[in-house]
Amino acid sequence: MAQIIESTTSERRLIKMSTNDIISIVQSYQQAVPRGIMYEEVRNYLDDIVIYIPEDI
């Protein structure tokens, strides 16, 4: 599960992800984006898709 790490030096938080989190994101990407399309088309597909990962509490 992903773990959000608060940063004391900047306004951005870090997200520490497990191997399973990465694989889940790649699988979601592969299901959402057709093969053999150009970079701009990939960006357009991903702009319309929300991918969630669970957070460790």
Protein backbone atom coordinates (compact mmCIF):
# COMPACT_ATOMS: atom_id res chain seq x y z
CA MET A 1 0.00 0.00 0.00
CA ALA A 2 1.13 3.53 -0.70
CA GLN A 3 2.31 5.65 2.18
CA ILE A 4 2.21 9.45 2.11
CA ILE A 5 5.25 11.04 3.71
CA GLU A 6 4.85 14.62 4.86
CA SER A 7 7.74 16.90 3.97
CA THR A 8 8.98 19.47 6.46
CA THR A 9 11.16 21.27 3.91
CA SER A 10 8.69 21.82 1.06
CA GLU A 11 5.01 22.00 0.29
CA ARG A 12 5.05 18.73 -1.65
CA ARG A 13 4.42 15.37 -0.05
CA LEU A 14 6.15 12.16 -1.07
CA ILE A 15 4.30 8.97 -1.90
CA LYS A 16 6.19 5.79 -1.11
CA MET A 17 4.80 2.94 -3.20
CA SER A 18 5.26 -0.80 -2.93
CA THR A 19 6.04 -3.09 -5.85
CA ASN A 20 2.36 -4.09 -5.93
CA ASP A 21 1.34 -0.42 -6.18
CA ILE A 22 3.63 0.08 -9.19
CA ILE A 23 2.35 -3.08 -10.88
CA SER A 24 -1.25 -1.98 -10.26
CA ILE A 25 -0.58 1.40 -11.88
CA VAL A 26 1.12 -0.21 -14.88
CA GLN A 27 -1.81 -2.61 -15.31
CA SER A 28 -4.29 0.28 -15.14
CA TYR A 29 -2.20 2.17 -17.70
CA GLN A 30 -2.08 -0.83 -20.04
CA GLN A 31 -5.85 -1.29 -19.82
CA ALA A 32 -6.57 2.40 -20.42
CA VAL A 33 -4.12 3.21 -23.21
CA PRO A 34 -4.22 1.38 -26.55
CA ARG A 35 -0.89 0.12 -27.90
CA GLY A 36 0.92 1.90 -30.68
CA ILE A 37 -0.32 5.43 -30.14
CA MET A 38 1.75 8.60 -30.02
CA TYR A 39 2.89 10.44 -26.89
CA GLU A 40 0.31 13.23 -27.22
CA GLU A 41 -2.50 10.70 -27.58
CA VAL A 42 -1.31 8.90 -24.43
CA ARG A 43 -1.39 12.20 -22.54
CA ASN A 44 -4.95 12.84 -23.76
CA TYR A 45 -6.09 9.38 -22.64
CA LEU A 46 -4.51 9.79 -19.22
CA ASP A 47 -5.95 13.29 -18.74
CA ASP A 48 -9.42 11.71 -18.79
CA ILE A 49 -8.60 8.81 -16.44
CA VAL A 50 -8.24 8.77 -12.67
CA ILE A 51 -6.04 6.03 -11.19
CA TYR A 52 -6.27 5.42 -7.45
CA ILE A 53 -3.86 3.60 -5.18
CA PRO A 54 -4.66 2.70 -1.55
CA GLU A 55 -2.94 4.63 1.23
CA ASP A 56 -1.38 3.05 4.31
CA ILE A 57 -2.75 4.68 7.45
